[in-house]
C-alpha atoms as a PDB file:
ATOM      1  CA  MET A   1      21.135 -36.832 -16.249  1.00  0.00           C
ATOM      2  CA  THR A   2      20.406 -33.197 -16.523  1.00  0.00           C
ATOM      3  CA  SER A   3      18.925 -31.491 -19.564  1.00  0.00           C
ATOM      4  CA  LYS A   4      19.192 -27.765 -20.282  1.00  0.00           C
ATOM      5  CA  LYS A   5      15.784 -25.995 -20.757  1.00  0.00           C
ATOM      6  CA  LYS A   6      15.252 -24.157 -23.879  1.00  0.00           C
ATOM      7  CA  GLU A   7      14.921 -20.319 -23.662  1.00  0.00           C
ATOM      8  CA  GLY A   8      11.380 -19.330 -22.768  1.00  0.00           C
ATOM      9  CA  ASP A   9      10.468 -22.718 -21.394  1.00  0.00           C
ATOM     10  CA  LYS A  10       8.255 -21.998 -18.373  1.00  0.00           C
ATOM     11  CA  SER A  11       7.461 -25.603 -17.403  1.00  0.00           C
ATOM     12  CA  GLY A  12       8.297 -26.797 -13.926  1.00  0.00           C
ATOM     13  CA  ILE A  13       7.165 -25.687 -10.539  1.00  0.00           C
ATOM     14  CA  PHE A  14       9.034 -22.344 -10.465  1.00  0.00           C
ATOM     15  CA  GLY A  15       9.504 -21.629 -14.181  1.00  0.00           C
ATOM     16  CA  SER A  16       6.814 -18.954 -14.490  1.00  0.00           C
ATOM     17  CA  VAL A  17       7.905 -16.924 -11.424  1.00  0.00           C
ATOM     18  CA  LEU A  18      11.718 -17.077 -11.427  1.00  0.00           C
ATOM     19  CA  THR A  19      14.005 -15.008 -13.679  1.00  0.00           C
ATOM     20  CA  GLN A  20      16.921 -17.015 -15.008  1.00  0.00           C
ATOM     21  CA  LEU A  21      20.278 -15.378 -14.074  1.00  0.00           C
ATOM     22  CA  ASP A  22      21.542 -15.552 -17.625  1.00  0.00           C
ATOM     23  CA  SER A  23      18.603 -13.363 -18.765  1.00  0.00           C
ATOM     24  CA  LEU A  24      19.537 -10.464 -16.542  1.00  0.00           C
ATOM     25  CA  LYS A  25      21.664  -7.535 -17.711  1.00  0.00           C
ATOM     26  CA  ARG A  26      25.258  -7.310 -16.368  1.00  0.00           C
ATOM     27  CA  ASN A  27      27.495  -4.376 -15.664  1.00  0.00           C
ATOM     28  CA  LYS A  28      30.833  -6.038 -15.615  1.00  0.00           C
ATOM     29  CA  ASN A  29      30.450  -8.648 -12.860  1.00  0.00           C
ATOM     30  CA  LYS A  30      27.409  -7.137 -11.210  1.00  0.00           C
ATOM     31  CA  LEU A  31      23.848  -8.008 -11.972  1.00  0.00           C
ATOM     32  CA  GLU A  32      21.611  -5.042 -12.803  1.00  0.00           C
ATOM     33  CA  ASN A  33      18.231  -4.622 -11.037  1.00  0.00           C
ATOM     34  CA  PRO A  34      15.577  -5.499 -13.600  1.00  0.00           C
ATOM     35  CA  PHE A  35      13.603  -2.419 -12.471  1.00  0.00           C
ATOM     36  CA  THR A  36      16.256  -0.139 -13.695  1.00  0.00           C
ATOM     37  CA  LYS A  37      14.657   0.117 -17.191  1.00  0.00           C
ATOM     38  CA  LEU A  38      11.722   1.570 -15.540  1.00  0.00           C
ATOM     39  CA  GLY A  39      13.830   4.623 -14.534  1.00  0.00           C
ATOM     40  CA  GLY A  40      14.101   6.218 -11.245  1.00  0.00           C
ATOM     41  CA  ILE A  41      14.009   3.042  -9.237  1.00  0.00           C
ATOM     42  CA  THR A  42      17.561   2.423  -7.790  1.00  0.00           C
ATOM     43  CA  HIS A  43      16.637  -0.302  -5.375  1.00  0.00           C
ATOM     44  CA  PRO A  44      13.592  -2.389  -4.641  1.00  0.00           C
ATOM     45  CA  THR A  45      11.678  -1.521  -1.495  1.00  0.00           C
ATOM     46  CA  SER A  46      10.479  -4.072   1.032  1.00  0.00           C
ATOM     47  CA  TRP A  47       6.752  -4.463   0.791  1.00  0.00           C
ATOM     48  CA  TYR A  48       6.587  -5.911   4.304  1.00  0.00           C
ATOM     49  CA  ASP A  49       8.956  -3.651   6.118  1.00  0.00           C
ATOM     50  CA  VAL A  50       8.491  -0.205   4.221  1.00  0.00           C
ATOM     51  CA  CYS A  51       5.351  -0.161   2.072  1.00  0.00           C
ATOM     52  CA  VAL A  52       2.682  -1.791   4.287  1.00  0.00           C
ATOM     53  CA  PRO A  53       3.487   0.221   7.406  1.00  0.00           C
ATOM     54  CA  ASN A  54       3.334   3.402   5.392  1.00  0.00           C
ATOM     55  CA  ILE A  55      -0.119   2.611   4.134  1.00  0.00           C
ATOM     56  CA  MET A  56      -1.580   1.011   7.179  1.00  0.00           C
ATOM     57  CA  TRP A  57      -4.641   2.917   7.135  1.00  0.00           C
ATOM     58  CA  ALA A  58      -5.527   1.383   3.749  1.00  0.00           C
ATOM     59  CA  SER A  59      -4.399  -2.042   4.788  1.00  0.00           C
ATOM     60  CA  LEU A  60      -6.957  -1.758   7.664  1.00  0.00           C
ATOM     61  CA  ILE A  61      -9.675  -0.827   5.239  1.00  0.00           C
ATOM     62  CA  THR A  62      -8.814  -3.914   2.981  1.00  0.00           C
ATOM     63  CA  GLN A  63      -9.174  -6.141   6.014  1.00  0.00           C
ATOM     64  CA  ALA A  64     -12.501  -4.410   7.356  1.00  0.00           C
ATOM     65  CA  LEU A  65     -14.481  -4.077   4.023  1.00  0.00           C
ATOM     66  CA  PRO A  66     -15.373  -6.452   1.149  1.00  0.00           C
ATOM     67  CA  ARG A  67     -13.265  -5.927  -1.880  1.00  0.00           C
ATOM     68  CA  GLU A  68     -15.876  -4.220  -4.050  1.00  0.00           C
ATOM     69  CA  ASP A  69     -16.527  -1.688  -1.188  1.00  0.00           C
ATOM     70  CA  TYR A  70     -12.896  -0.884  -0.478  1.00  0.00           C
ATOM     71  CA  LEU A  71     -12.090  -0.534  -4.215  1.00  0.00           C
ATOM     72  CA  GLN A  72     -14.934   1.973  -4.550  1.00  0.00           C
ATOM     73  CA  LEU A  73     -13.666   3.860  -1.461  1.00  0.00           C
ATOM     74  CA  PHE A  74     -10.306   4.076  -2.991  1.00  0.00           C
ATOM     75  CA  ARG A  75     -11.834   5.443  -6.230  1.00  0.00           C
ATOM     76  CA  ASP A  76     -13.736   7.963  -4.035  1.00  0.00           C
ATOM     77  CA  ILE A  77     -10.605   9.138  -2.345  1.00  0.00           C
ATOM     78  CA  ILE A  78      -8.939   9.699  -5.779  1.00  0.00           C
ATOM     79  CA  GLN A  79     -11.881  11.506  -7.091  1.00  0.00           C
ATOM     80  CA  ALA A  80     -12.181  13.666  -3.974  1.00  0.00           C
ATOM     81  CA  ALA A  81      -8.496  14.544  -4.213  1.00  0.00           C
ATOM     82  CA  LEU A  82      -8.907  15.528  -7.968  1.00  0.00           C
ATOM     83  CA  GLU A  83     -11.920  17.742  -7.292  1.00  0.00           C
ATOM     84  CA  LYS A  84     -11.167  19.206  -3.918  1.00  0.00           C
ATOM     85  CA  VAL A  85      -7.420  19.360  -3.200  1.00  0.00           C
ATOM     86  CA  GLU A  86      -5.607  21.987  -5.256  1.00  0.00           C
ATOM     87  CA  LYS A  87      -2.123  20.765  -4.424  1.00  0.00           C
ATOM     88  CA  ARG A  88      -2.962  17.104  -4.919  1.00  0.00           C
ATOM     89  CA  THR A  89       0.281  16.570  -6.968  1.00  0.00           C
ATOM     90  CA  GLU A  90       2.359  17.374  -3.855  1.00  0.00           C
ATOM     91  CA  LEU A  91       0.504  14.833  -1.690  1.00  0.00           C
ATOM     92  CA  PHE A  92       0.074  11.121  -1.741  1.00  0.00           C
ATOM     93  CA  VAL A  93      -1.799   8.341   0.058  1.00  0.00           C
ATOM     94  CA  THR A  94       0.929   7.226   2.373  1.00  0.00           C
ATOM     95  CA  HIS A  95       1.194   8.274   6.100  1.00  0.00           C
ATOM     96  CA  ASN A  96       4.217  10.259   5.461  1.00  0.00           C
ATOM     97  CA  PHE A  97       2.572  12.427   2.801  1.00  0.00           C
ATOM     98  CA  LEU A  98      -0.761  12.622   4.563  1.00  0.00           C
ATOM     99  CA  ALA A  99       1.124  14.036   7.616  1.00  0.00           C
ATOM    100  CA  VAL A 100       2.089  17.198   5.637  1.00  0.00           C
ATOM    101  CA  ALA A 101      -1.467  17.736   4.407  1.00  0.00           C
ATOM    102  CA  THR A 102      -3.325  20.584   5.990  1.00  0.00           C
ATOM    103  CA  PRO A 103      -6.438  19.634   7.848  1.00  0.00           C
ATOM    104  CA  GLU A 104      -8.646  20.817   5.245  1.00  0.00           C
ATOM    105  CA  GLU A 105      -6.667  18.816   2.432  1.00  0.00           C
ATOM    106  CA  PHE A 106      -6.741  15.664   4.587  1.00  0.00           C
ATOM    107  CA  ASP A 107     -10.374  16.023   5.332  1.00  0.00           C
ATOM    108  CA  ALA A 108     -11.278  16.687   1.658  1.00  0.00           C
ATOM    109  CA  MET A 109      -9.250  13.595   0.461  1.00  0.00           C
ATOM    110  CA  MET A 110     -10.396  11.357   3.304  1.00  0.00           C
ATOM    111  CA  THR A 111     -14.017  12.186   3.377  1.00  0.00           C
ATOM    112  CA  PRO A 112     -14.969   8.707   2.036  1.00  0.00           C
ATOM    113  CA  VAL A 113     -13.024   7.069   4.817  1.00  0.00           C
ATOM    114  CA  ILE A 114     -14.344   9.483   7.571  1.00  0.00           C
ATOM    115  CA  ALA A 115     -17.964   9.117   6.428  1.00  0.00           C
ATOM    116  CA  GLU A 116     -17.900   5.229   6.364  1.00  0.00           C
ATOM    117  CA  PRO A 117     -19.697   4.034   9.412  1.00  0.00           C
ATOM    118  CA  ARG A 118     -18.061   0.521   9.131  1.00  0.00           C
ATOM    119  CA  LEU A 119     -14.816   2.024   9.582  1.00  0.00           C
ATOM    120  CA  LYS A 120     -15.507   3.934  12.965  1.00  0.00           C
ATOM    121  CA  GLU A 121     -14.094   1.245  15.151  1.00  0.00           C
ATOM    122  CA  VAL A 122     -11.297   0.061  12.720  1.00  0.00           C
ATOM    123  CA  MET A 123      -9.513   3.326  12.016  1.00  0.00           C
ATOM    124  CA  GLY A 124      -9.099   3.993  15.859  1.00  0.00           C
ATOM    125  CA  ALA A 125      -6.391   1.318  15.663  1.00  0.00           C
ATOM    126  CA  LEU A 126      -4.123   4.029  14.034  1.00  0.00           C
ATOM    127  CA  LEU A 127      -4.168   5.824  17.428  1.00  0.00           C
ATOM    128  CA  ALA A 128      -2.674   3.066  19.399  1.00  0.00           C
ATOM    129  CA  VAL A 129       0.898   3.761  18.354  1.00  0.00           C
ATOM    130  CA  ASP A 130       2.820   7.045  18.191  1.00  0.00           C
ATOM    131  CA  TRP A 131       4.850   6.404  15.010  1.00  0.00           C
ATOM    132  CA  PHE A 132       2.181   7.149  12.374  1.00  0.00           C
ATOM    133  CA  PRO A 133       3.251  10.716  11.349  1.00  0.00           C
ATOM    134  CA  ASP A 134      -0.333  11.606  10.317  1.00  0.00           C
ATOM    135  CA  LYS A 135      -1.844  10.404  13.714  1.00  0.00           C
ATOM    136  CA  ALA A 136      -3.168  13.863  14.546  1.00  0.00           C
ATOM    137  CA  HIS A 137      -5.415  13.917  11.420  1.00  0.00           C
ATOM    138  CA  TRP A 138      -6.859  10.487  12.248  1.00  0.00           C
ATOM    139  CA  ALA A 139      -7.357  11.513  15.815  1.00  0.00           C
ATOM    140  CA  ARG A 140      -9.640  14.334  14.690  1.00  0.00           C
ATOM    141  CA  HIS A 141     -12.074  11.883  13.321  1.00  0.00           C
ATOM    142  CA  PHE A 142     -11.706   8.612  15.126  1.00  0.00           C
ATOM    143  CA  GLU A 143     -11.799   7.517  18.801  1.00  0.00           C
ATOM    144  CA  PRO A 144      -9.012   5.405  20.118  1.00  0.00           C
ATOM    145  CA  ILE A 145      -9.738   1.723  20.619  1.00  0.00           C
ATOM    146  CA  GLU A 146      -8.331  -0.532  23.290  1.00  0.00           C
ATOM    147  CA  LYS A 147      -4.671  -1.181  22.506  1.00  0.00           C
ATOM    148  CA  SER A 148      -4.890  -4.926  22.553  1.00  0.00           C
ATOM    149  CA  VAL A 149      -7.732  -4.687  19.995  1.00  0.00           C
ATOM    150  CA  ALA A 150      -5.847  -2.184  17.997  1.00  0.00           C
ATOM    151  CA  TYR A 151      -2.786  -4.231  17.815  1.00  0.00           C
ATOM    152  CA  LEU A 152      -4.764  -7.344  16.739  1.00  0.00           C
ATOM    153  CA  ARG A 153      -6.528  -5.306  13.944  1.00  0.00           C
ATOM    154  CA  MET A 154      -3.088  -4.065  12.610  1.00  0.00           C
ATOM    155  CA  ILE A 155      -1.780  -7.562  12.794  1.00  0.00           C
ATOM    156  CA  GLU A 156      -4.571  -8.941  10.890  1.00  0.00           C
ATOM    157  CA  ALA A 157      -4.331  -6.093   8.263  1.00  0.00           C
ATOM    158  CA  VAL A 158      -0.698  -6.781   7.758  1.00  0.00           C
ATOM    159  CA  GLY A 159      -1.313 -10.566   7.488  1.00  0.00           C
ATOM    160  CA  HIS A 160      -4.156  -9.714   4.916  1.00  0.00           C
ATOM    161  CA  VAL A 161      -1.810  -7.819   2.649  1.00  0.00           C
ATOM    162  CA  HIS A 162       1.535  -9.538   3.511  1.00  0.00           C
ATOM    163  CA  PRO A 163       1.807 -11.916   0.562  1.00  0.00           C
ATOM    164  CA  HIS A 164       2.876  -9.202  -1.800  1.00  0.00           C
ATOM    165  CA  GLN A 165       1.168 -10.979  -4.817  1.00  0.00           C
ATOM    166  CA  SER A 166      -2.157 -11.360  -3.000  1.00  0.00           C
ATOM    167  CA  GLU A 167      -5.141  -9.604  -4.295  1.00  0.00           C
ATOM    168  CA  PRO A 168      -5.511  -7.044  -1.501  1.00  0.00           C
ATOM    169  CA  ALA A 169      -1.735  -6.214  -1.751  1.00  0.00           C
ATOM    170  CA  THR A 170      -2.171  -5.704  -5.531  1.00  0.00           C
ATOM    171  CA  ASP A 171      -5.203  -3.587  -4.891  1.00  0.00           C
ATOM    172  CA  LEU A 172      -3.113  -1.332  -2.496  1.00  0.00           C
ATOM    173  CA  ARG A 173      -0.381  -1.001  -5.175  1.00  0.00           C
ATOM    174  CA  TRP A 174      -3.042  -0.224  -7.825  1.00  0.00           C
ATOM    175  CA  PHE A 175      -4.471   2.522  -5.478  1.00  0.00           C
ATOM    176  CA  LYS A 176      -1.156   4.009  -5.058  1.00  0.00           C
ATOM    177  CA  TRP A 177      -0.254   4.012  -8.696  1.00  0.00           C
ATOM    178  CA  LEU A 178      -3.676   5.380  -9.713  1.00  0.00           C
ATOM    179  CA  PHE A 179      -3.519   8.204  -7.310  1.00  0.00           C
ATOM    180  CA  LEU A 180      -0.213   9.420  -9.045  1.00  0.00           C
END
């Protein structure tokens, strides 16, 4: 015997985290993305495959520092950008945007990271691979670390923020949003 749930009933193991298909908007026979009402978002982006790699530097920090400390560091980066970077609105905190920053802009924004002694051996992990577009900026401030250690640090950092609803993952999204 099956019983139909009443609309708005969130009981059950998945009720509070799943969207019922009949509650989604349709365009003929096609379901519309629930994010379309936010405007400008045409498709969701994979947290694991796109977002985390593009903010690996901050993921490393969430793994290396206690939450209160990394949140303050993120606030300090935002404050430094507001006060010291004239074209802040053209930049962002992801690797692809940091790559186009001048050395002076990068240094002004990232002073809190560069000055944090607990990050000296952590941020060198970014130098173990060639695919970070802003690698030259990080290389001016941090020494490379042994590749096996660097890979392990990056794996741990990704694992730390991998569940997209975890506290550190939410903190990274908060940081990105607040920077805007």
